[in-house]
């Protein structure tokens, strides 16, 4: 579970940072969202391997976040 915890922490920190960049319309928001989507997918893959309810919920949230990041990248 160590890798799961590491990825969850990385993912949460990166999501907060990406949201901050988007909110202030940073010129680097799309690049950061690309990395955020990649980390979210990795986190979803790792958490999805564990049967715990909280891991499954985390995996679903990470997949949704990656999807939304990709939508943001494609916009405009």
Protein backbone atom coordinates (compact mmCIF):
# COMPACT_ATOMS: atom_id res chain seq x y z
CA UNK A 1 0.00 0.00 0.00
CA UNK A 2 3.02 2.30 0.21
CA UNK A 3 2.91 3.13 -3.50
CA UNK A 4 -0.84 3.75 -3.26
CA UNK A 5 -0.35 6.27 -0.45
CA UNK A 6 2.54 8.00 -2.24
CA UNK A 7 0.54 8.39 -5.44
CA UNK A 8 -2.54 9.60 -3.57
CA UNK A 9 -0.52 12.33 -1.86
CA UNK A 10 1.18 13.34 -5.12
CA UNK A 11 -2.13 13.36 -6.93
CA UNK A 12 -3.88 15.48 -4.31
CA UNK A 13 -1.05 18.02 -4.23
CA UNK A 14 -0.90 18.24 -8.01
CA UNK A 15 -4.68 18.60 -8.30
CA UNK A 16 -4.63 21.52 -5.84
CA UNK A 17 -1.83 23.15 -7.81
CA UNK A 18 -3.58 22.62 -11.15
CA UNK A 19 -6.81 24.10 -9.76
CA UNK A 20 -4.85 27.13 -8.59
CA UNK A 21 -3.25 27.59 -12.02
CA UNK A 22 -6.62 27.28 -13.74
CA UNK A 23 -8.26 29.74 -11.34
CA UNK A 24 -5.70 32.43 -12.05
CA UNK A 25 -5.62 31.65 -15.77
CA UNK A 26 -1.92 30.82 -15.77
CA UNK A 27 -0.31 30.37 -19.17
CA UNK A 28 1.07 27.08 -17.81
CA UNK A 29 -2.29 25.63 -16.77
CA UNK A 30 -2.62 23.30 -19.77
CA UNK A 31 0.86 21.84 -19.28
CA UNK A 32 0.19 21.33 -15.60
CA UNK A 33 -3.18 19.71 -16.37
CA UNK A 34 -1.41 17.31 -18.71
CA UNK A 35 0.87 16.19 -15.90
CA UNK A 36 -2.07 16.12 -13.50
CA UNK A 37 -3.98 13.79 -15.83
CA UNK A 38 -0.96 11.48 -16.08
CA UNK A 39 -0.51 11.32 -12.30
CA UNK A 40 -4.25 10.83 -11.76
CA UNK A 41 -4.25 7.89 -14.18
CA UNK A 42 -1.29 6.35 -12.36
CA UNK A 43 -3.01 6.83 -9.03
CA UNK A 44 -6.25 5.33 -10.37
CA UNK A 45 -4.40 2.30 -11.70
CA UNK A 46 -2.62 1.71 -8.40
CA UNK A 47 -5.60 2.33 -6.14
CA UNK A 48 -7.84 0.28 -8.40
CA UNK A 49 -5.76 -2.82 -7.57
CA UNK A 50 -6.83 -2.74 -3.93
CA UNK A 51 -10.19 -4.08 -2.78
CA UNK A 52 -10.71 -1.46 -0.05
CA UNK A 53 -13.75 0.77 -0.59
CA UNK A 54 -11.69 3.92 -0.07
CA UNK A 55 -9.18 2.77 -2.69
CA UNK A 56 -11.94 2.09 -5.20
CA UNK A 57 -13.48 5.51 -4.48
CA UNK A 58 -10.06 7.13 -4.93
CA UNK A 59 -9.51 5.32 -8.23
CA UNK A 60 -12.89 6.51 -9.54
CA UNK A 61 -12.21 10.10 -8.47
CA UNK A 62 -8.77 10.03 -10.08
CA UNK A 63 -10.17 8.70 -13.36
CA UNK A 64 -12.78 11.49 -13.36
CA UNK A 65 -10.14 14.11 -12.58
CA UNK A 66 -7.93 12.87 -15.43
CA UNK A 67 -10.91 13.06 -17.77
CA UNK A 68 -11.68 16.64 -16.71
CA UNK A 69 -8.02 17.65 -17.06
CA UNK A 70 -8.01 16.33 -20.62
CA UNK A 71 -11.19 18.29 -21.38
CA UNK A 72 -9.54 21.43 -20.06
CA UNK A 73 -6.47 20.82 -22.22
CA UNK A 74 -8.63 20.36 -25.32
CA UNK A 75 -10.64 23.53 -24.68
CA UNK A 76 -9.80 26.66 -26.63
